[in-house]
Amino acid sequence: MAIIISDAGPGRVELAPAAALFRSLGDPARLAIVRRLALGPTRVVDLVDELGLAQSTVSKHLACLRDCGLVDSAPVGRASLFRLAQPGLVDILTAAETVLAATGNAVALCPTYGAEPCGPLS
């Protein structure tokens, strides 16, 4: 099986959708929201309180995650209860934690993608 970045065809794996999934989880606020929702459904007001983020920030990131099909919501009175739409996200988070534990500080110290990236990618 060939792995290519574009022009998927027979026997080839298209990587753009996976890259988009990881980009959707790449923002620390969105990742924190997904991690919290992995514990169970919750309201925006609870996410604001638990994560210490502004209501507008939480709402913006929930909208992004909903547009990506990763979370959904159901009305509960005047509020909405948000939950993971894809339970497989829990497996992704668990796998990421395993990789991070195995690599130590290497990812955090990465000059390109770490906590203090050195500049734009070429």
PDB file of N, CA and C in Angstrom:
ATOM      1  N   MET A   1       0.845  -1.172   0.000  1.00  0.00           N
ATOM      2  CA  MET A   1       0.000   0.000   0.000  1.00  0.00           C
ATOM      3  C   MET A   1       0.892   1.238   0.000  1.00  0.00           C
ATOM      4  N   ALA A   2       0.687   2.117  -0.941  1.00  0.00           N
ATOM      5  CA  ALA A   2       1.456   3.359  -1.017  1.00  0.00           C
ATOM      6  C   ALA A   2       0.801   4.424  -0.147  1.00  0.00           C
ATOM      7  N   ILE A   3       1.618   5.201   0.517  1.00  0.00           N
ATOM      8  CA  ILE A   3       1.108   6.313   1.319  1.00  0.00           C
ATOM      9  C   ILE A   3       1.555   7.599   0.642  1.00  0.00           C
ATOM     10  N   ILE A   4       0.590   8.389   0.232  1.00  0.00           N
ATOM     11  CA  ILE A   4       0.900   9.652  -0.422  1.00  0.00           C
ATOM     12  C   ILE A   4       0.091  10.764   0.226  1.00  0.00           C
ATOM     13  N   ILE A   5       0.473  11.985  -0.069  1.00  0.00           N
ATOM     14  CA  ILE A   5      -0.203  13.130   0.534  1.00  0.00           C
ATOM     15  C   ILE A   5      -1.452  13.518  -0.245  1.00  0.00           C
ATOM     16  N   SER A   6      -1.446  13.346  -1.553  1.00  0.00           N
ATOM     17  CA  SER A   6      -2.621  13.710  -2.348  1.00  0.00           C
ATOM     18  C   SER A   6      -2.793  12.704  -3.480  1.00  0.00           C
ATOM     19  N   ASP A   7      -3.808  12.908  -4.295  1.00  0.00           N
ATOM     20  CA  ASP A   7      -4.101  12.031  -5.428  1.00  0.00           C
ATOM     21  C   ASP A   7      -4.325  10.583  -5.010  1.00  0.00           C
ATOM     22  N   ALA A   8      -5.195  10.394  -4.017  1.00  0.00           N
ATOM     23  CA  ALA A   8      -5.482   9.033  -3.556  1.00  0.00           C
ATOM     24  C   ALA A   8      -6.095   8.224  -4.683  1.00  0.00           C
ATOM     25  N   GLY A   9      -5.691   7.006  -4.793  1.00  0.00           N
ATOM     26  CA  GLY A   9      -6.218   6.094  -5.790  1.00  0.00           C
ATOM     27  C   GLY A   9      -6.201   4.694  -5.218  1.00  0.00           C
ATOM     28  N   PRO A  10      -6.396   3.691  -6.067  1.00  0.00           N
ATOM     29  CA  PRO A  10      -6.398   2.308  -5.580  1.00  0.00           C
ATOM     30  C   PRO A  10      -5.098   1.972  -4.842  1.00  0.00           C
ATOM     31  N   GLY A  11      -5.230   1.413  -3.649  1.00  0.00           N
ATOM     32  CA  GLY A  11      -4.058   1.008  -2.884  1.00  0.00           C
ATOM     33  C   GLY A  11      -3.302   2.145  -2.230  1.00  0.00           C
ATOM     34  N   ARG A  12      -3.846   3.348  -2.268  1.00  0.00           N
ATOM     35  CA  ARG A  12      -3.170   4.507  -1.681  1.00  0.00           C
ATOM     36  C   ARG A  12      -3.984   5.039  -0.513  1.00  0.00           C
ATOM     37  N   VAL A  13      -3.300   5.602   0.442  1.00  0.00           N
ATOM     38  CA  VAL A  13      -3.956   6.163   1.617  1.00  0.00           C
ATOM     39  C   VAL A  13      -3.881   7.679   1.533  1.00  0.00           C
ATOM     40  N   GLU A  14      -5.022   8.327   1.602  1.00  0.00           N
ATOM     41  CA  GLU A  14      -5.078   9.790   1.583  1.00  0.00           C
ATOM     42  C   GLU A  14      -4.787  10.300   2.985  1.00  0.00           C
ATOM     43  N   LEU A  15      -3.760  11.126   3.128  1.00  0.00           N
ATOM     44  CA  LEU A  15      -3.357  11.614   4.442  1.00  0.00           C
ATOM     45  C   LEU A  15      -3.991  12.941   4.831  1.00  0.00           C
ATOM     46  N   ALA A  16      -4.553  13.678   3.889  1.00  0.00           N
ATOM     47  CA  ALA A  16      -5.114  14.995   4.200  1.00  0.00           C
ATOM     48  C   ALA A  16      -6.223  14.928   5.257  1.00  0.00           C
ATOM     49  N   PRO A  17      -7.143  13.963   5.203  1.00  0.00           N
ATOM     50  CA  PRO A  17      -8.166  13.915   6.256  1.00  0.00           C
ATOM     51  C   PRO A  17      -7.575  13.677   7.647  1.00  0.00           C
ATOM     52  N   ALA A  18      -6.573  12.812   7.750  1.00  0.00           N
ATOM     53  CA  ALA A  18      -5.939  12.579   9.053  1.00  0.00           C
ATOM     54  C   ALA A  18      -5.221  13.833   9.525  1.00  0.00           C
ATOM     55  N   ALA A  19      -4.568  14.536   8.598  1.00  0.00           N
ATOM     56  CA  ALA A  19      -3.892  15.786   8.968  1.00  0.00           C
ATOM     57  C   ALA A  19      -4.913  16.804   9.469  1.00  0.00           C
ATOM     58  N   ALA A  20      -6.082  16.868   8.831  1.00  0.00           N
ATOM     59  CA  ALA A  20      -7.131  17.794   9.273  1.00  0.00           C
ATOM     60  C   ALA A  20      -7.633  17.416  10.666  1.00  0.00           C
ATOM     61  N   LEU A  21      -7.760  16.121  10.939  1.00  0.00           N
ATOM     62  CA  LEU A  21      -8.179  15.678  12.268  1.00  0.00           C
ATOM     63  C   LEU A  21      -7.181  16.148  13.322  1.00  0.00           C
ATOM     64  N   PHE A  22      -5.893  15.940  13.059  1.00  0.00           N
ATOM     65  CA  PHE A  22      -4.889  16.347  14.040  1.00  0.00           C
ATOM     66  C   PHE A  22      -4.814  17.864  14.178  1.00  0.00           C
ATOM     67  N   ARG A  23      -5.044  18.598  13.084  1.00  0.00           N
ATOM     68  CA  ARG A  23      -5.102  20.066  13.193  1.00  0.00           C
ATOM     69  C   ARG A  23      -6.281  20.484  14.061  1.00  0.00           C
ATOM     70  N   SER A  24      -7.413  19.782  13.939  1.00  0.00           N
ATOM     71  CA  SER A  24      -8.588  20.140  14.747  1.00  0.00           C
ATOM     72  C   SER A  24      -8.313  19.945  16.232  1.00  0.00           C
ATOM     73  N   LEU A  25      -7.402  19.056  16.576  1.00  0.00           N
ATOM     74  CA  LEU A  25      -7.042  18.814  17.974  1.00  0.00           C
ATOM     75  C   LEU A  25      -5.791  19.585  18.384  1.00  0.00           C
ATOM     76  N   GLY A  26      -5.202  20.337  17.449  1.00  0.00           N
ATOM     77  CA  GLY A  26      -3.920  20.988  17.685  1.00  0.00           C
ATOM     78  C   GLY A  26      -3.961  22.236  18.538  1.00  0.00           C
ATOM     79  N   ASP A  27      -5.126  22.814  18.729  1.00  0.00           N
ATOM     80  CA  ASP A  27      -5.221  24.002  19.573  1.00  0.00           C
ATOM     81  C   ASP A  27      -5.365  23.558  21.028  1.00  0.00           C
ATOM     82  N   PRO A  28      -4.573  24.127  21.949  1.00  0.00           N
ATOM     83  CA  PRO A  28      -4.664  23.699  23.351  1.00  0.00           C
ATOM     84  C   PRO A  28      -6.068  23.822  23.946  1.00  0.00           C
ATOM     85  N   ALA A  29      -6.809  24.854  23.578  1.00  0.00           N
ATOM     86  CA  ALA A  29      -8.170  25.007  24.113  1.00  0.00           C
ATOM     87  C   ALA A  29      -9.082  23.896  23.588  1.00  0.00           C
ATOM     88  N   ARG A  30      -8.994  23.596  22.291  1.00  0.00           N
ATOM     89  CA  ARG A  30      -9.834  22.520  21.740  1.00  0.00           C
ATOM     90  C   ARG A  30      -9.445  21.173  22.341  1.00  0.00           C
ATOM     91  N   LEU A  31      -8.157  20.957  22.512  1.00  0.00           N
ATOM     92  CA  LEU A  31      -7.710  19.697  23.107  1.00  0.00           C
ATOM     93  C   LEU A  31      -8.212  19.573  24.544  1.00  0.00           C
ATOM     94  N   ALA A  32      -8.175  20.664  25.292  1.00  0.00           N
ATOM     95  CA  ALA A  32      -8.689  20.647  26.671  1.00  0.00           C
ATOM     96  C   ALA A  32     -10.188  20.351  26.684  1.00  0.00           C
ATOM     97  N   ILE A  33     -10.920  20.923  25.753  1.00  0.00           N
ATOM     98  CA  ILE A  33     -12.362  20.668  25.665  1.00  0.00           C
ATOM     99  C   ILE A  33     -12.619  19.198  25.354  1.00  0.00           C
ATOM    100  N   VAL A  34     -11.894  18.652  24.385  1.00  0.00           N
ATOM    101  CA  VAL A  34     -12.080  17.240  24.024  1.00  0.00           C
ATOM    102  C   VAL A  34     -11.727  16.337  25.202  1.00  0.00           C
ATOM    103  N   ARG A  35     -10.634  16.653  25.894  1.00  0.00           N
ATOM    104  CA  ARG A  35     -10.249  15.839  27.059  1.00  0.00           C
ATOM    105  C   ARG A  35     -11.343  15.875  28.126  1.00  0.00           C
ATOM    106  N   ARG A  36     -11.927  17.056  28.348  1.00  0.00           N
ATOM    107  CA  ARG A  36     -13.005  17.156  29.345  1.00  0.00           C
ATOM    108  C   ARG A  36     -14.237  16.388  28.895  1.00  0.00           C
ATOM    109  N   LEU A  37     -14.589  16.509  27.612  1.00  0.00           N
ATOM    110  CA  LEU A  37     -15.768  15.805  27.109  1.00  0.00           C
ATOM    111  C   LEU A  37     -15.562  14.292  27.098  1.00  0.00           C
ATOM    112  N   ALA A  38     -14.316  13.845  27.097  1.00  0.00           N
ATOM    113  CA  ALA A  38     -14.043  12.408  27.184  1.00  0.00           C
ATOM    114  C   ALA A  38     -14.520  11.844  28.521  1.00  0.00           C
ATOM    115  N   LEU A  39     -14.662  12.712  29.519  1.00  0.00           N
ATOM    116  CA  LEU A  39     -15.156  12.292  30.836  1.00  0.00           C
ATOM    117  C   LEU A  39     -16.679  12.204  30.875  1.00  0.00           C
ATOM    118  N   GLY A  40     -17.334  12.843  29.904  1.00  0.00           N
ATOM    119  CA  GLY A  40     -18.790  12.815  29.850  1.00  0.00           C
ATOM    120  C   GLY A  40     -19.349  14.136  29.370  1.00  0.00           C
ATOM    121  N   PRO A  41     -20.631  14.154  29.006  1.00  0.00           N
ATOM    122  CA  PRO A  41     -21.270  15.363  28.491  1.00  0.00           C
ATOM    123  C   PRO A  41     -21.265  16.495  29.520  1.00  0.00           C
ATOM    124  N   THR A  42     -21.247  17.716  29.020  1.00  0.00           N
ATOM    125  CA  THR A  42     -21.267  18.877  29.903  1.00  0.00           C
ATOM    126  C   THR A  42     -21.795  20.098  29.161  1.00  0.00           C
ATOM    127  N   ARG A  43     -22.118  21.124  29.932  1.00  0.00           N
ATOM    128  CA  ARG A  43     -22.624  22.381  29.375  1.00  0.00           C
ATOM    129  C   ARG A  43     -21.469  23.360  29.166  1.00  0.00           C
ATOM    130  N   VAL A  44     -21.705  24.371  28.338  1.00  0.00           N
ATOM    131  CA  VAL A  44     -20.696  25.400  28.087  1.00  0.00           C
ATOM    132  C   VAL A  44     -20.281  26.065  29.392  1.00  0.00           C
ATOM    133  N   VAL A  45     -21.248  26.415  30.236  1.00  0.00           N
ATOM    134  CA  VAL A  45     -20.934  27.103  31.488  1.00  0.00           C
ATOM    135  C   VAL A  45     -20.004  26.260  32.356  1.00  0.00           C
ATOM    136  N   ASP A  46     -20.180  24.944  32.338  1.00  0.00           N
ATOM    137  CA  ASP A  46     -19.307  24.064  33.113  1.00  0.00           C
ATOM    138  C   ASP A  46     -17.904  24.014  32.510  1.00  0.00           C
ATOM    139  N   LEU A  47     -17.817  23.993  31.183  1.00  0.00           N
ATOM    140  CA  LEU A  47     -16.506  24.028  30.528  1.00  0.00           C
ATOM    141  C   LEU A  47     -15.780  25.325  30.859  1.00  0.00           C
ATOM    142  N   VAL A  48     -16.503  26.433  30.846  1.00  0.00           N
ATOM    143  CA  VAL A  48     -15.917  27.735  31.188  1.00  0.00           C
ATOM    144  C   VAL A  48     -15.340  27.683  32.600  1.00  0.00           C
ATOM    145  N   ASP A  49     -16.120  27.180  33.538  1.00  0.00           N
ATOM    146  CA  ASP A  49     -15.668  27.104  34.935  1.00  0.00           C
ATOM    147  C   ASP A  49     -14.487  26.157  35.102  1.00  0.00           C
ATOM    148  N   GLU A  50     -14.571  24.978  34.497  1.00  0.00           N
ATOM    149  CA  GLU A  50     -13.541  23.958  34.690  1.00  0.00           C
ATOM    150  C   GLU A  50     -12.237  24.281  33.973  1.00  0.00           C
ATOM    151  N   LEU A  51     -12.321  24.903  32.797  1.00  0.00           N
ATOM    152  CA  LEU A  51     -11.125  25.149  31.996  1.00  0.00           C
ATOM    153  C   LEU A  51     -10.558  26.547  32.183  1.00  0.00           C
ATOM    154  N   GLY A  52     -11.338  27.434  32.804  1.00  0.00           N
ATOM    155  CA  GLY A  52     -10.854  28.794  33.016  1.00  0.00           C
ATOM    156  C   GLY A  52     -10.733  29.604  31.739  1.00  0.00           C
ATOM    157  N   LEU A  53     -11.547  29.284  30.758  1.00  0.00           N
ATOM    158  CA  LEU A  53     -11.549  29.999  29.482  1.00  0.00           C
ATOM    159  C   LEU A  53     -12.781  30.891  29.404  1.00  0.00           C
ATOM    160  N   ALA A  54     -12.711  31.911  28.570  1.00  0.00           N
ATOM    161  CA  ALA A  54     -13.861  32.789  28.363  1.00  0.00           C
ATOM    162  C   ALA A  54     -14.976  32.018  27.659  1.00  0.00           C
ATOM    163  N   GLN A  55     -16.207  32.405  27.936  1.00  0.00           N
ATOM    164  CA  GLN A  55     -17.354  31.747  27.309  1.00  0.00           C
ATOM    165  C   GLN A  55     -17.270  31.841  25.794  1.00  0.00           C
ATOM    166  N   SER A  56     -16.844  32.990  25.277  1.00  0.00           N
ATOM    167  CA  SER A  56     -16.741  33.158  23.825  1.00  0.00           C
ATOM    168  C   SER A  56     -15.685  32.223  23.235  1.00  0.00           C
ATOM    169  N   THR A  57     -14.599  32.003  23.967  1.00  0.00           N
ATOM    170  CA  THR A  57     -13.541  31.098  23.509  1.00  0.00           C
ATOM    171  C   THR A  57     -14.051  29.664  23.469  1.00  0.00           C
ATOM    172  N   VAL A  58     -14.718  29.242  24.523  1.00  0.00           N
ATOM    173  CA  VAL A  58     -15.264  27.885  24.576  1.00  0.00           C
ATOM    174  C   VAL A  58     -16.280  27.688  23.457  1.00  0.00           C
ATOM    175  N   SER A  59     -17.168  28.647  23.273  1.00  0.00           N
ATOM    176  CA  SER A  59     -18.189  28.531  22.229  1.00  0.00           C
ATOM    177  C   SER A  59     -17.567  28.463  20.843  1.00  0.00           C
ATOM    178  N   LYS A  60     -16.553  29.282  20.600  1.00  0.00           N
ATOM    179  CA  LYS A  60     -15.872  29.286  19.295  1.00  0.00           C
ATOM    180  C   LYS A  60     -15.240  27.924  19.018  1.00  0.00           C
ATOM    181  N   HIS A  61     -14.562  27.367  20.005  1.00  0.00           N
ATOM    182  CA  HIS A  61     -13.890  26.088  19.800  1.00  0.00           C
ATOM    183  C   HIS A  61     -14.884  24.930  19.723  1.00  0.00           C
ATOM    184  N   LEU A  62     -15.976  24.996  20.479  1.00  0.00           N
ATOM    185  CA  LEU A  62     -17.016  23.974  20.347  1.00  0.00           C
ATOM    186  C   LEU A  62     -17.627  24.005  18.950  1.00  0.00           C
ATOM    187  N   ALA A  63     -17.822  25.193  18.398  1.00  0.00           N
ATOM    188  CA  ALA A  63     -18.363  25.308  17.041  1.00  0.00           C
ATOM    189  C   ALA A  63     -17.410  24.664  16.038  1.00  0.00           C
ATOM    190  N   CYS A  64     -16.122  24.896  16.204  1.00  0.00           N
ATOM    191  CA  CYS A  64     -15.118  24.291  15.325  1.00  0.00           C
ATOM    192  C   CYS A  64     -15.173  22.769  15.426  1.00  0.00           C
ATOM    193  N   LEU A  65     -15.190  22.262  16.650  1.00  0.00           N
ATOM    194  CA  LEU A  65     -15.232  20.814  16.854  1.00  0.00           C
ATOM    195  C   LEU A  65     -16.532  20.210  16.328  1.00  0.00           C
ATOM    196  N   ARG A  66     -17.630  20.952  16.455  1.00  0.00           N
ATOM    197  CA  ARG A  66     -18.910  20.479  15.920  1.00  0.00           C
ATOM    198  C   ARG A  66     -18.860  20.458  14.392  1.00  0.00           C
ATOM    199  N   ASP A  67     -18.294  21.504  13.789  1.00  0.00           N
ATOM    200  CA  ASP A  67     -18.172  21.550  12.329  1.00  0.00           C
ATOM    201  C   ASP A  67     -17.321  20.398  11.796  1.00  0.00           C
ATOM    202  N   CYS A  68     -16.363  19.949  12.599  1.00  0.00           N
ATOM    203  CA  CYS A  68     -15.501  18.819  12.221  1.00  0.00           C
ATOM    204  C   CYS A  68     -16.168  17.473  12.487  1.00  0.00           C
ATOM    205  N   GLY A  69     -17.345  17.487  13.112  1.00  0.00           N
ATOM    206  CA  GLY A  69     -18.047  16.250  13.417  1.00  0.00           C
ATOM    207  C   GLY A  69     -17.509  15.516  14.631  1.00  0.00           C
ATOM    208  N   LEU A  70     -16.730  16.220  15.462  1.00  0.00           N
ATOM    209  CA  LEU A  70     -16.117  15.577  16.624  1.00  0.00           C
ATOM    210  C   LEU A  70     -16.961  15.687  17.884  1.00  0.00           C
ATOM    211  N   VAL A  71     -17.795  16.728  17.987  1.00  0.00           N
ATOM    212  CA  VAL A  71     -18.705  16.874  19.120  1.00  0.00           C
ATOM    213  C   VAL A  71     -20.100  17.162  18.592  1.00  0.00           C
ATOM    214  N   ASP A  72     -21.078  16.878  19.415  1.00  0.00           N
ATOM    215  CA  ASP A  72     -22.444  17.282  19.098  1.00  0.00           C
ATOM    216  C   ASP A  72     -23.101  17.756  20.384  1.00  0.00           C
ATOM    217  N   SER A  73     -24.317  18.243  20.252  1.00  0.00           N
ATOM    218  CA  SER A  73     -24.998  18.790  21.424  1.00  0.00           C
ATOM    219  C   SER A  73     -26.482  18.459  21.366  1.00  0.00           C
ATOM    220  N   ALA A  74     -27.081  18.522  22.543  1.00  0.00           N
ATOM    221  CA  ALA A  74     -28.526  18.323  22.667  1.00  0.00           C
ATOM    222  C   ALA A  74     -29.047  19.398  23.604  1.00  0.00           C
ATOM    223  N   PRO A  75     -30.192  20.003  23.266  1.00  0.00           N
ATOM    224  CA  PRO A  75     -30.745  21.021  24.150  1.00  0.00           C
ATOM    225  C   PRO A  75     -31.213  20.412  25.473  1.00  0.00           C
ATOM    226  N   VAL A  76     -30.893  21.121  26.547  1.00  0.00           N
ATOM    227  CA  VAL A  76     -31.353  20.746  27.889  1.00  0.00           C
ATOM    228  C   VAL A  76     -31.836  22.038  28.528  1.00  0.00           C
ATOM    229  N   GLY A  77     -33.149  22.237  28.516  1.00  0.00           N
ATOM    230  CA  GLY A  77     -33.691  23.506  28.982  1.00  0.00           C
ATOM    231  C   GLY A  77     -33.215  24.623  28.067  1.00  0.00           C
ATOM    232  N   ARG A  78     -32.653  25.670  28.664  1.00  0.00           N
ATOM    233  CA  ARG A  78     -32.153  26.803  27.872  1.00  0.00           C
ATOM    234  C   ARG A  78     -30.694  26.627  27.477  1.00  0.00           C
ATOM    235  N   ALA A  79     -30.064  25.565  27.940  1.00  0.00           N
ATOM    236  CA  ALA A  79     -28.653  25.311  27.646  1.00  0.00           C
ATOM    237  C   ALA A  79     -28.527  24.159  26.655  1.00  0.00           C
ATOM    238  N   SER A  80     -27.302  23.883  26.259  1.00  0.00           N
ATOM    239  CA  SER A  80     -26.996  22.722  25.424  1.00  0.00           C
ATOM    240  C   SER A  80     -25.995  21.853  26.162  1.00  0.00           C
ATOM    241  N   LEU A  81     -26.172  20.565  26.027  1.00  0.00           N
ATOM    242  CA  LEU A  81     -25.257  19.603  26.629  1.00  0.00           C
ATOM    243  C   LEU A  81     -24.366  19.073  25.507  1.00  0.00           C
ATOM    244  N   PHE A  82     -23.057  19.299  25.619  1.00  0.00           N
ATOM    245  CA  PHE A  82     -22.103  18.877  24.595  1.00  0.00           C
ATOM    246  C   PHE A  82     -21.482  17.547  24.983  1.00  0.00           C
ATOM    247  N   ARG A  83     -21.210  16.719  23.962  1.00  0.00           N
ATOM    248  CA  ARG A  83     -20.579  15.422  24.180  1.00  0.00           C
ATOM    249  C   ARG A  83     -19.736  15.076  22.960  1.00  0.00           C
ATOM    250  N   LEU A  84     -18.845  14.106  23.131  1.00  0.00           N
ATOM    251  CA  LEU A  84     -18.069  13.627  21.996  1.00  0.00           C
ATOM    252  C   LEU A  84     -18.999  12.904  21.035  1.00  0.00           C
ATOM    253  N   ALA A  85     -18.920  13.259  19.771  1.00  0.00           N
ATOM    254  CA  ALA A  85     -19.713  12.578  18.751  1.00  0.00           C
ATOM    255  C   ALA A  85     -18.990  11.325  18.269  1.00  0.00           C
ATOM    256  N   GLN A  86     -17.684  11.287  18.484  1.00  0.00           N
ATOM    257  CA  GLN A  86     -16.858  10.172  18.044  1.00  0.00           C
ATOM    258  C   GLN A  86     -16.122   9.577  19.236  1.00  0.00           C
ATOM    259  N   PRO A  87     -16.617   8.490  19.803  1.00  0.00           N
ATOM    260  CA  PRO A  87     -15.956   7.890  20.965  1.00  0.00           C
ATOM    261  C   PRO A  87     -14.507   7.489  20.691  1.00  0.00           C
ATOM    262  N   GLY A  88     -14.148   7.284  19.436  1.00  0.00           N
ATOM    263  CA  GLY A  88     -12.775   6.939  19.081  1.00  0.00           C
ATOM    264  C   GLY A  88     -11.769   8.010  19.460  1.00  0.00           C
ATOM    265  N   LEU A  89     -12.232   9.229  19.727  1.00  0.00           N
ATOM    266  CA  LEU A  89     -11.320  10.289  20.171  1.00  0.00           C
ATOM    267  C   LEU A  89     -10.647   9.922  21.485  1.00  0.00           C
ATOM    268  N   VAL A  90     -11.335   9.180  22.329  1.00  0.00           N
ATOM    269  CA  VAL A  90     -10.743   8.750  23.601  1.00  0.00           C
ATOM    270  C   VAL A  90      -9.527   7.871  23.322  1.00  0.00           C
ATOM    271  N   ASP A  91      -9.623   6.995  22.322  1.00  0.00           N
ATOM    272  CA  ASP A  91      -8.494   6.138  21.955  1.00  0.00           C
ATOM    273  C   ASP A  91      -7.328   6.962  21.419  1.00  0.00           C
ATOM    274  N   ILE A  92      -7.634   8.000  20.641  1.00  0.00           N
ATOM    275  CA  ILE A  92      -6.580   8.875  20.114  1.00  0.00           C
ATOM    276  C   ILE A  92      -5.871   9.580  21.258  1.00  0.00           C
ATOM    277  N   LEU A  93      -6.624  10.099  22.221  1.00  0.00           N
ATOM    278  CA  LEU A  93      -6.015  10.778  23.368  1.00  0.00           C
ATOM    279  C   LEU A  93      -5.149   9.818  24.179  1.00  0.00           C
ATOM    280  N   THR A  94      -5.640   8.606  24.379  1.00  0.00           N
ATOM    281  CA  THR A  94      -4.880   7.607  25.128  1.00  0.00           C
ATOM    282  C   THR A  94      -3.586   7.260  24.395  1.00  0.00           C
ATOM    283  N   ALA A  95      -3.675   7.071  23.080  1.00  0.00           N
ATOM    284  CA  ALA A  95      -2.480   6.765  22.291  1.00  0.00           C
ATOM    285  C   ALA A  95      -1.489   7.923  22.334  1.00  0.00           C
ATOM    286  N   ALA A  96      -1.988   9.150  22.261  1.00  0.00           N
ATOM    287  CA  ALA A  96      -1.109  10.322  22.320  1.00  0.00           C
ATOM    288  C   ALA A  96      -0.389  10.387  23.659  1.00  0.00           C
ATOM    289  N   GLU A  97      -1.098  10.113  24.736  1.00  0.00           N
ATOM    290  CA  GLU A  97      -0.465  10.128  26.061  1.00  0.00           C
ATOM    291  C   GLU A  97       0.606   9.051  26.166  1.00  0.00           C
ATOM    292  N   THR A  98       0.374   7.897  25.545  1.00  0.00           N
ATOM    293  CA  THR A  98       1.369   6.822  25.540  1.00  0.00           C
ATOM    294  C   THR A  98       2.618   7.248  24.775  1.00  0.00           C
ATOM    295  N   VAL A  99       2.423   7.854  23.606  1.00  0.00           N
ATOM    296  CA  VAL A  99       3.559   8.325  22.802  1.00  0.00           C
ATOM    297  C   VAL A  99       4.323   9.410  23.551  1.00  0.00           C
ATOM    298  N   LEU A 100       3.606  10.350  24.157  1.00  0.00           N
ATOM    299  CA  LEU A 100       4.271  11.426  24.899  1.00  0.00           C
ATOM    300  C   LEU A 100       5.058  10.877  26.083  1.00  0.00           C
ATOM    301  N   ALA A 101       4.516   9.889  26.756  1.00  0.00           N
ATOM    302  CA  ALA A 101       5.241   9.281  27.876  1.00  0.00           C
ATOM    303  C   ALA A 101       6.506   8.581  27.382  1.00  0.00           C
ATOM    304  N   ALA A 102       6.432   7.958  26.209  1.00  0.00           N
ATOM    305  CA  ALA A 102       7.579   7.232  25.666  1.00  0.00           C
ATOM    306  C   ALA A 102       8.668   8.162  25.143  1.00  0.00           C
ATOM    307  N   THR A 103       8.282   9.350  24.674  1.00  0.00           N
ATOM    308  CA  THR A 103       9.269  10.267  24.097  1.00  0.00           C
ATOM    309  C   THR A 103       9.795  11.273  25.100  1.00  0.00           C
ATOM    310  N   GLY A 104       9.268  11.256  26.308  1.00  0.00           N
ATOM    311  CA  GLY A 104       9.729  12.214  27.315  1.00  0.00           C
ATOM    312  C   GLY A 104       9.440  13.635  26.871  1.00  0.00           C
ATOM    313  N   ASN A 105      10.432  14.495  26.961  1.00  0.00           N
ATOM    314  CA  ASN A 105      10.265  15.905  26.599  1.00  0.00           C
ATOM    315  C   ASN A 105      10.566  16.190  25.139  1.00  0.00           C
ATOM    316  N   ALA A 106      10.848  15.161  24.341  1.00  0.00           N
ATOM    317  CA  ALA A 106      11.263  15.387  22.958  1.00  0.00           C
ATOM    318  C   ALA A 106      10.238  16.192  22.163  1.00  0.00           C
ATOM    319  N   VAL A 107       8.962  15.874  22.308  1.00  0.00           N
ATOM    320  CA  VAL A 107       7.936  16.605  21.555  1.00  0.00           C
ATOM    321  C   VAL A 107       7.838  18.039  22.053  1.00  0.00           C
ATOM    322  N   ALA A 108       7.819  18.231  23.362  1.00  0.00           N
ATOM    323  CA  ALA A 108       7.717  19.585  23.922  1.00  0.00           C
ATOM    324  C   ALA A 108       8.924  20.433  23.548  1.00  0.00           C
ATOM    325  N   LEU A 109      10.080  19.807  23.390  1.00  0.00           N
ATOM    326  CA  LEU A 109      11.306  20.540  23.062  1.00  0.00           C
ATOM    327  C   LEU A 109      11.578  20.611  21.567  1.00  0.00           C
ATOM    328  N   CYS A 110      10.730  20.014  20.763  1.00  0.00           N
ATOM    329  CA  CYS A 110      10.913  20.014  19.308  1.00  0.00           C
ATOM    330  C   CYS A 110      11.017  21.451  18.807  1.00  0.00           C
ATOM    331  N   PRO A 111      12.077  21.783  18.057  1.00  0.00           N
ATOM    332  CA  PRO A 111      12.247  23.165  17.608  1.00  0.00           C
ATOM    333  C   PRO A 111      11.177  23.625  16.618  1.00  0.00           C
ATOM    334  N   THR A 112      10.480  22.705  15.981  1.00  0.00           N
ATOM    335  CA  THR A 112       9.449  23.083  15.016  1.00  0.00           C
ATOM    336  C   THR A 112       8.062  23.113  15.634  1.00  0.00           C
ATOM    337  N   TYR A 113       7.712  22.098  16.420  1.00  0.00           N
ATOM    338  CA  TYR A 113       6.350  21.977  16.934  1.00  0.00           C
ATOM    339  C   TYR A 113       6.240  22.043  18.444  1.00  0.00           C
ATOM    340  N   GLY A 114       7.339  22.220  19.140  1.00  0.00           N
ATOM    341  CA  GLY A 114       7.312  22.241  20.594  1.00  0.00           C
ATOM    342  C   GLY A 114       6.642  23.475  21.154  1.00  0.00           C
ATOM    343  N   ALA A 115       6.742  23.611  22.458  1.00  0.00           N
ATOM    344  CA  ALA A 115       6.092  24.719  23.161  1.00  0.00           C
ATOM    345  C   ALA A 115       6.598  26.075  22.689  1.00  0.00           C
ATOM    346  N   GLU A 116       7.836  26.142  22.252  1.00  0.00           N
ATOM    347  CA  GLU A 116       8.435  27.395  21.781  1.00  0.00           C
ATOM    348  C   GLU A 116       8.981  27.199  20.370  1.00  0.00           C
ATOM    349  N   PRO A 117       8.121  27.048  19.344  1.00  0.00           N
ATOM    350  CA  PRO A 117       8.625  26.839  17.992  1.00  0.00           C
ATOM    351  C   PRO A 117       9.511  27.994  17.545  1.00  0.00           C
ATOM    352  N   CYS A 118      10.481  27.657  16.700  1.00  0.00           N
ATOM    353  CA  CYS A 118      11.485  28.648  16.322  1.00  0.00           C
ATOM    354  C   CYS A 118      11.074  29.504  15.137  1.00  0.00           C
ATOM    355  N   GLY A 119       9.952  29.279  14.549  1.00  0.00           N
ATOM    356  CA  GLY A 119       9.537  30.118  13.436  1.00  0.00           C
ATOM    357  C   GLY A 119       8.659  29.359  12.468  1.00  0.00           C
ATOM    358  N   PRO A 120       8.268  30.021  11.370  1.00  0.00           N
ATOM    359  CA  PRO A 120       7.373  29.389  10.400  1.00  0.00           C
ATOM    360  C   PRO A 120       8.059  28.241   9.677  1.00  0.00           C
ATOM    361  N   LEU A 121       7.248  27.279   9.274  1.00  0.00           N
ATOM    362  CA  LEU A 121       7.765  26.152   8.505  1.00  0.00           C
ATOM    363  C   LEU A 121       8.003  26.570   7.072  1.00  0.00           C
ATOM    364  N   SER A 122       8.964  25.941   6.436  1.00  0.00           N
ATOM    365  CA  SER A 122       9.234  26.239   5.022  1.00  0.00           C
ATOM    366  C   SER A 122       8.327  25.432   4.145  1.00  0.00           C
TER     367      SER A 122
END
